[in-house]
Every structure is written in structure tokens, then in C-alpha cells.
C-alpha atoms as a PDB file:
ATOM      1  CA  MET A   1     -17.552 -94.739  25.589  1.00  0.00           C
ATOM      2  CA  ASP A   2     -13.900 -94.967  26.273  1.00  0.00           C
ATOM      3  CA  ARG A   3     -11.705 -91.856  27.167  1.00  0.00           C
ATOM      4  CA  GLU A   4     -10.093 -91.374  23.673  1.00  0.00           C
ATOM      5  CA  GLU A   5     -13.546 -91.510  21.950  1.00  0.00           C
ATOM      6  CA  GLU A   6     -14.846 -89.097  24.461  1.00  0.00           C
ATOM      7  CA  HIS A   7     -11.812 -86.577  24.002  1.00  0.00           C
ATOM      8  CA  ARG A   8     -12.489 -86.825  20.272  1.00  0.00           C
ATOM      9  CA  LEU A   9     -16.245 -85.984  20.426  1.00  0.00           C
ATOM     10  CA  LEU A  10     -15.314 -83.163  22.952  1.00  0.00           C
ATOM     11  CA  ARG A  11     -12.917 -81.665  20.493  1.00  0.00           C
ATOM     12  CA  LEU A  12     -15.397 -81.917  17.583  1.00  0.00           C
ATOM     13  CA  ALA A  13     -18.159 -80.368  19.756  1.00  0.00           C
ATOM     14  CA  ALA A  14     -15.930 -77.700  20.888  1.00  0.00           C
ATOM     15  CA  ALA A  15     -15.254 -77.053  17.065  1.00  0.00           C
ATOM     16  CA  GLY A  16     -19.022 -76.606  16.522  1.00  0.00           C
ATOM     17  CA  ASP A  17     -19.987 -80.119  15.490  1.00  0.00           C
ATOM     18  CA  ARG A  18     -23.616 -80.496  16.654  1.00  0.00           C
ATOM     19  CA  GLU A  19     -23.696 -84.356  16.087  1.00  0.00           C
ATOM     20  CA  ALA A  20     -20.542 -84.773  18.363  1.00  0.00           C
ATOM     21  CA  ALA A  21     -22.137 -82.506  21.013  1.00  0.00           C
ATOM     22  CA  GLY A  22     -25.481 -84.622  20.780  1.00  0.00           C
ATOM     23  CA  LEU A  23     -23.636 -88.020  21.116  1.00  0.00           C
ATOM     24  CA  PHE A  24     -21.881 -86.718  24.272  1.00  0.00           C
ATOM     25  CA  ILE A  25     -25.078 -85.308  25.801  1.00  0.00           C
ATOM     26  CA  GLU A  26     -26.601 -88.542  25.122  1.00  0.00           C
ATOM     27  CA  ALA A  27     -23.961 -90.500  26.743  1.00  0.00           C
ATOM     28  CA  HIS A  28     -24.170 -88.523  30.015  1.00  0.00           C
ATOM     29  CA  GLN A  29     -27.598 -87.134  30.336  1.00  0.00           C
ATOM     30  CA  ARG A  30     -29.255 -90.042  32.181  1.00  0.00           C
ATOM     31  CA  SER A  31     -26.577 -90.531  34.776  1.00  0.00           C
ATOM     32  CA  VAL A  32     -26.510 -86.710  35.500  1.00  0.00           C
ATOM     33  CA  TYR A  33     -30.308 -86.545  35.857  1.00  0.00           C
ATOM     34  CA  ALA A  34     -30.395 -89.820  37.939  1.00  0.00           C
ATOM     35  CA  TYR A  35     -27.794 -88.357  40.360  1.00  0.00           C
ATOM     36  CA  LEU A  36     -29.706 -85.067  40.654  1.00  0.00           C
ATOM     37  CA  VAL A  37     -33.051 -86.601  41.189  1.00  0.00           C
ATOM     38  CA  ARG A  38     -31.583 -88.758  43.991  1.00  0.00           C
ATOM     39  CA  ILE A  39     -29.968 -85.971  45.841  1.00  0.00           C
ATOM     40  CA  SER A  40     -32.669 -83.396  45.385  1.00  0.00           C
ATOM     41  CA  GLY A  41     -35.872 -85.577  45.366  1.00  0.00           C
ATOM     42  CA  ARG A  42     -37.290 -83.338  42.739  1.00  0.00           C
ATOM     43  CA  PRO A  43     -37.489 -84.305  39.089  1.00  0.00           C
ATOM     44  CA  ASP A  44     -38.416 -80.895  37.900  1.00  0.00           C
ATOM     45  CA  LEU A  45     -35.424 -79.239  39.526  1.00  0.00           C
ATOM     46  CA  ALA A  46     -33.245 -82.087  38.293  1.00  0.00           C
ATOM     47  CA  GLU A  47     -34.348 -81.444  34.674  1.00  0.00           C
ATOM     48  CA  ASP A  48     -33.760 -77.795  34.844  1.00  0.00           C
ATOM     49  CA  ILE A  49     -30.307 -78.249  36.315  1.00  0.00           C
ATOM     50  CA  VAL A  50     -29.261 -80.910  33.790  1.00  0.00           C
ATOM     51  CA  GLN A  51     -30.362 -78.677  30.948  1.00  0.00           C
ATOM     52  CA  GLU A  52     -28.269 -75.795  32.454  1.00  0.00           C
ATOM     53  CA  ALA A  53     -25.257 -77.940  33.145  1.00  0.00           C
ATOM     54  CA  PHE A  54     -25.116 -78.983  29.489  1.00  0.00           C
ATOM     55  CA  VAL A  55     -25.457 -75.433  28.377  1.00  0.00           C
ATOM     56  CA  ARG A  56     -22.551 -74.396  30.504  1.00  0.00           C
ATOM     57  CA  VAL A  57     -20.392 -77.373  29.529  1.00  0.00           C
ATOM     58  CA  LEU A  58     -21.124 -76.835  25.865  1.00  0.00           C
ATOM     59  CA  SER A  59     -20.315 -73.129  26.167  1.00  0.00           C
ATOM     60  CA  ASN A  60     -17.079 -73.789  27.930  1.00  0.00           C
ATOM     61  CA  LEU A  61     -15.716 -76.848  26.325  1.00  0.00           C
ATOM     62  CA  ASP A  62     -12.440 -74.766  25.498  1.00  0.00           C
ATOM     63  CA  ARG A  63     -11.874 -74.830  29.325  1.00  0.00           C
ATOM     64  CA  PHE A  64     -11.931 -78.490  29.841  1.00  0.00           C
ATOM     65  CA  ASP A  65      -8.506 -79.948  30.973  1.00  0.00           C
ATOM     66  CA  TYR A  66      -8.146 -83.204  29.045  1.00  0.00           C
ATOM     67  CA  ARG A  67      -5.896 -84.640  31.770  1.00  0.00           C
ATOM     68  CA  TYR A  68      -8.931 -85.275  33.884  1.00  0.00           C
ATOM     69  CA  ARG A  69     -12.061 -87.291  33.480  1.00  0.00           C
ATOM     70  CA  PHE A  70     -14.931 -85.447  31.558  1.00  0.00           C
ATOM     71  CA  SER A  71     -17.622 -86.974  33.823  1.00  0.00           C
ATOM     72  CA  THR A  72     -15.890 -85.486  36.960  1.00  0.00           C
ATOM     73  CA  TRP A  73     -16.018 -82.092  35.416  1.00  0.00           C
ATOM     74  CA  LEU A  74     -19.648 -82.366  34.356  1.00  0.00           C
ATOM     75  CA  PHE A  75     -20.829 -83.632  37.749  1.00  0.00           C
ATOM     76  CA  THR A  76     -18.968 -80.875  39.460  1.00  0.00           C
ATOM     77  CA  ILE A  77     -20.835 -78.235  37.364  1.00  0.00           C
ATOM     78  CA  ALA A  78     -24.123 -80.004  37.948  1.00  0.00           C
ATOM     79  CA  ARG A  79     -23.459 -80.209  41.694  1.00  0.00           C
ATOM     80  CA  ARG A  80     -22.554 -76.597  41.824  1.00  0.00           C
ATOM     81  CA  LEU A  81     -25.623 -75.505  39.932  1.00  0.00           C
ATOM     82  CA  TYR A  82     -27.791 -77.824  42.475  1.00  0.00           C
ATOM     83  CA  VAL A  83     -26.247 -76.043  45.481  1.00  0.00           C
ATOM     84  CA  ASN A  84     -26.797 -72.647  43.975  1.00  0.00           C
ATOM     85  CA  ALA A  85     -30.474 -73.538  43.218  1.00  0.00           C
ATOM     86  CA  MET A  86     -30.954 -74.886  46.791  1.00  0.00           C
ATOM     87  CA  GLN A  87     -29.652 -71.596  48.088  1.00  0.00           C
ATOM     88  CA  LYS A  88     -32.470 -69.739  46.148  1.00  0.00           C
ATOM     89  CA  LEU A  89     -35.272 -72.266  47.032  1.00  0.00           C
ATOM     90  CA  ARG A  90     -36.269 -73.922  50.136  1.00  0.00           C
ATOM     91  CA  PRO A  91     -36.313 -77.631  49.737  1.00  0.00           C
ATOM     92  CA  ALA A  92     -39.776 -79.060  48.814  1.00  0.00           C
ATOM     93  CA  TYR A  93     -39.933 -82.902  49.356  1.00  0.00           C
ATOM     94  CA  ASP A  94     -42.339 -84.609  46.966  1.00  0.00           C
ATOM     95  CA  THR A  95     -43.803 -88.010  48.265  1.00  0.00           C
ATOM     96  CA  ASP A  96     -44.557 -89.060  44.574  1.00  0.00           C
ATOM     97  CA  VAL A  97     -40.994 -88.907  43.261  1.00  0.00           C
ATOM     98  CA  VAL A  98     -40.690 -90.104  39.745  1.00  0.00           C
ATOM     99  CA  SER A  99     -37.984 -92.928  39.326  1.00  0.00           C
ATOM    100  CA  ALA A 100     -34.575 -91.974  38.410  1.00  0.00           C
ATOM    101  CA  ARG A 101     -34.517 -94.775  35.919  1.00  0.00           C
ATOM    102  CA  GLY A 102     -36.948 -93.517  33.264  1.00  0.00           C
ATOM    103  CA  GLY A 103     -38.395 -95.876  30.698  1.00  0.00           C
ATOM    104  CA  ARG A 104     -38.303 -98.970  32.909  1.00  0.00           C
ATOM    105  CA  GLY A 105     -41.865 -99.997  32.544  1.00  0.00           C
ATOM    106  CA  PRO A 106     -43.190-103.397  33.651  1.00  0.00           C
ATOM    107  CA  ALA A 107     -42.686-106.368  31.404  1.00  0.00           C
ATOM    108  CA  PRO A 108     -45.893-107.361  29.511  1.00  0.00           C
ATOM    109  CA  TYR A 109     -46.374-110.333  31.821  1.00  0.00           C
ATOM    110  CA  ALA A 110     -45.666-108.414  35.061  1.00  0.00           C
ATOM    111  CA  SER A 111     -48.542-108.277  37.575  1.00  0.00           C
ATOM    112  CA  VAL A 112     -50.009-105.035  38.823  1.00  0.00           C
ATOM    113  CA  HIS A 113     -49.232-106.250  42.296  1.00  0.00           C
ATOM    114  CA  ALA A 114     -45.427-106.529  41.477  1.00  0.00           C
ATOM    115  CA  GLU A 115     -45.413-103.146  39.816  1.00  0.00           C
ATOM    116  CA  GLU A 116     -46.961-101.597  43.094  1.00  0.00           C
ATOM    117  CA  ASP A 117     -44.446-103.389  45.191  1.00  0.00           C
ATOM    118  CA  HIS A 118     -41.628-101.841  42.913  1.00  0.00           C
ATOM    119  CA  HIS A 119     -43.187 -98.320  43.430  1.00  0.00           C
ATOM    120  CA  VAL A 120     -43.469 -98.742  47.175  1.00  0.00           C
ATOM    121  CA  ALA A 121     -40.078 -99.956  47.519  1.00  0.00           C
ATOM    122  CA  ARG A 122     -38.599 -97.113  45.363  1.00  0.00           C
ATOM    123  CA  ASP A 123     -40.559 -94.600  47.203  1.00  0.00           C
ATOM    124  CA  ALA A 124     -39.416 -95.955  50.600  1.00  0.00           C
ATOM    125  CA  VAL A 125     -35.754 -95.789  49.386  1.00  0.00           C
ATOM    126  CA  GLN A 126     -36.318 -92.251  48.094  1.00  0.00           C
ATOM    127  CA  ASP A 127     -38.079 -91.075  51.302  1.00  0.00           C
ATOM    128  CA  ALA A 128     -35.313 -92.466  53.307  1.00  0.00           C
ATOM    129  CA  LEU A 129     -32.565 -90.892  51.114  1.00  0.00           C
ATOM    130  CA  MET A 130     -34.216 -87.543  51.694  1.00  0.00           C
ATOM    131  CA  ARG A 131     -34.009 -87.963  55.415  1.00  0.00           C
ATOM    132  CA  LEU A 132     -30.114 -88.460  55.279  1.00  0.00           C
ATOM    133  CA  SER A 133     -27.795 -85.611  55.472  1.00  0.00           C
ATOM    134  CA  PRO A 134     -26.985 -84.007  52.102  1.00  0.00           C
ATOM    135  CA  GLU A 135     -23.509 -85.317  52.327  1.00  0.00           C
ATOM    136  CA  GLN A 136     -24.546 -88.924  53.070  1.00  0.00           C
ATOM    137  CA  ARG A 137     -27.206 -88.847  50.506  1.00  0.00           C
ATOM    138  CA  GLU A 138     -24.708 -87.591  47.740  1.00  0.00           C
ATOM    139  CA  VAL A 139     -22.055 -90.167  48.763  1.00  0.00           C
ATOM    140  CA  LEU A 140     -24.566 -92.991  48.713  1.00  0.00           C
ATOM    141  CA  VAL A 141     -25.961 -92.056  45.291  1.00  0.00           C
ATOM    142  CA  LEU A 142     -22.502 -91.534  43.756  1.00  0.00           C
ATOM    143  CA  PHE A 143     -21.255 -94.759  45.104  1.00  0.00           C
ATOM    144  CA  HIS A 144     -24.151 -97.057  44.540  1.00  0.00           C
ATOM    145  CA  GLN A 145     -26.053 -95.686  41.800  1.00  0.00           C
ATOM    146  CA  LEU A 146     -23.194 -94.079  39.624  1.00  0.00           C
ATOM    147  CA  ASP A 147     -20.621 -96.824  40.671  1.00  0.00           C
ATOM    148  CA  TRP A 148     -17.887 -94.063  41.548  1.00  0.00           C
ATOM    149  CA  SER A 149     -14.874 -95.196  43.461  1.00  0.00           C
ATOM    150  CA  ILE A 150     -14.135 -93.737  47.021  1.00  0.00           C
ATOM    151  CA  SER A 151     -11.194 -91.681  45.616  1.00  0.00           C
ATOM    152  CA  LEU A 152     -13.203 -90.195  42.772  1.00  0.00           C
ATOM    153  CA  ILE A 153     -16.059 -89.208  45.261  1.00  0.00           C
ATOM    154  CA  ALA A 154     -13.438 -87.722  47.375  1.00  0.00           C
ATOM    155  CA  ASP A 155     -12.006 -85.690  44.674  1.00  0.00           C
ATOM    156  CA  HIS A 156     -15.351 -84.614  43.463  1.00  0.00           C
ATOM    157  CA  LEU A 157     -16.493 -83.445  46.870  1.00  0.00           C
ATOM    158  CA  ASP A 158     -13.280 -82.177  48.068  1.00  0.00           C
ATOM    159  CA  MET A 159     -13.070 -84.222  51.296  1.00  0.00           C
ATOM    160  CA  PRO A 160     -10.744 -86.895  52.485  1.00  0.00           C
ATOM    161  CA  GLU A 161     -11.433 -90.516  51.589  1.00  0.00           C
ATOM    162  CA  GLY A 162     -11.882 -91.428  55.228  1.00  0.00           C
ATOM    163  CA  THR A 163     -14.673 -88.957  55.521  1.00  0.00           C
ATOM    164  CA  VAL A 164     -16.302 -90.353  52.189  1.00  0.00           C
ATOM    165  CA  LYS A 165     -16.102 -93.832  53.850  1.00  0.00           C
ATOM    166  CA  SER A 166     -17.579 -92.589  57.119  1.00  0.00           C
ATOM    167  CA  HIS A 167     -20.565 -90.918  55.242  1.00  0.00           C
ATOM    168  CA  LEU A 168     -21.019 -94.158  53.175  1.00  0.00           C
ATOM    169  CA  HIS A 169     -21.123 -96.201  56.251  1.00  0.00           C
ATOM    170  CA  ARG A 170     -23.218 -94.099  58.361  1.00  0.00           C
ATOM    171  CA  GLY A 171     -25.517 -93.378  55.501  1.00  0.00           C
ATOM    172  CA  ARG A 172     -26.058 -97.065  54.578  1.00  0.00           C
ATOM    173  CA  ARG A 173     -26.943 -97.743  58.183  1.00  0.00           C
ATOM    174  CA  ARG A 174     -29.261 -94.873  58.711  1.00  0.00           C
ATOM    175  CA  LEU A 175     -30.944 -95.731  55.253  1.00  0.00           C
ATOM    176  CA  ARG A 176     -31.345 -99.404  56.432  1.00  0.00           C
ATOM    177  CA  ASP A 177     -32.813 -98.249  59.729  1.00  0.00           C
ATOM    178  CA  LEU A 178     -35.148 -95.802  58.008  1.00  0.00           C
ATOM    179  CA  VAL A 179     -36.486 -98.311  55.727  1.00  0.00           C
ATOM    180  CA  ALA A 180     -36.861-100.882  58.325  1.00  0.00           C
ATOM    181  CA  HIS A 181     -38.845 -98.505  60.427  1.00  0.00           C
ATOM    182  CA  ARG A 182     -41.079 -97.673  57.536  1.00  0.00           C
ATOM    183  CA  ASP A 183     -41.708-101.407  56.942  1.00  0.00           C
ATOM    184  CA  ALA A 184     -42.528-102.024  60.620  1.00  0.00           C
ATOM    185  CA  LEU A 185     -44.910 -99.069  60.585  1.00  0.00           C
ATOM    186  CA  ALA A 186     -46.588-100.297  57.398  1.00  0.00           C
ATOM    187  CA  SER A 187     -47.043-103.728  59.063  1.00  0.00           C
ATOM    188  CA  LYS A 188     -48.696-102.290  62.274  1.00  0.00           C
ATOM    189  CA  LEU A 189     -50.954-100.143  60.246  1.00  0.00           C
ATOM    190  CA  ALA A 190     -51.873-103.020  57.864  1.00  0.00           C
ATOM    191  CA  GLY A 191     -52.905-105.062  61.050  1.00  0.00           C
ATOM    192  CA  VAL A 192     -55.118-102.082  62.107  1.00  0.00           C
ATOM    193  CA  TRP A 193     -56.868-101.824  58.818  1.00  0.00           C
ATOM    194  CA  GLN A 194     -57.728-105.374  58.290  1.00  0.00           C
END
């Protein structure tokens, strides 16, 4: 959706048009949910925060400044709700994290083995993401999963671009090391169990 269409829908939604509000929620819901699942590791928490974020956005559309990107405003609200939730709850890490890309089932001809490999790889990446610092995790998710630019991430997180680049570089390196360590450990265990 281009910016003009988005602004038109936002104005209609602010005026009470339910169809426009539904279209704009549909356009952004998956990306906000994916972002929150990746930074929290908890699909249940992500669902709750997404719902609360859209409630807040819809009830405050009159406060949106059209000079800025709507997605930045939405993600900022979602991030603040996440930070507030994490202050209330102690983090609980779930090893059976649901994929952030819902609805991606195997093709009818895919083998069970390939599907299992996909789940193992996804779980390895999610486990490694949860071992990163919150800043590194969020920068990696915003950059790689949501395709945000360095400058947009810097604005969103209110940090210098150099710091974002540093978190991105160090986070990638740490993620790679964690996944490699997990693979090496899995290979050793496989040798023991055979």
C-alpha cells in the first residue's frame, strides 16, 4: 500500500469507517505480530500486544502526524507496550516457539523430513535470537525480517545510526556463533546416540 492510499484509509478510519480500519489493520497486523514474536519469543504475548496496539492506534488516529510513516508510529506503540509488559512479567522462554510466518505449511509434495528440518532450523534461530541482548535482537529483527533501513531503525529506537550498525554487526556474529555451537553440539550428540 502506498503512502497516499494509507493516509486516505487512515482519514476514513479516523472518521469511523470500519472497512477502512479493517483494511489498514490487515495490511500491518502480520508484520507487527512477527516483530513481536521475534523479540519476545512468546506468541501469546505478541498476540495480546498486537491487539492492544491496534486498539490504541484506532482510538488515537486523530493524533497521528501525517508527515511521518504510519508504520513507524505503529511499531513505536507496539514496542512501548512490549516494554511495559516485560516490566510487569518476568520473561518466560518457550522452546516450542510458533513460527512468526503463520500459514506457511509444507507443499503437498514436501517430505516429513524436510518439514522437520525447517522446524529445527527455525527453533535454532529463535533460540539463538533469545540469547542475544534485547537491543541486538530487535535491530536484527527490524533489519532482516521487516527490511527496515538503518536510519529508520535508529529513529525508531532513538539511537545513533552507528550504534544500530554496531548492534547489527555484533548481533549477526553472535547469532552465527550460537547457531554453529548448537549444530556442533547436535552433531556430537547424534554420534553418541547412534
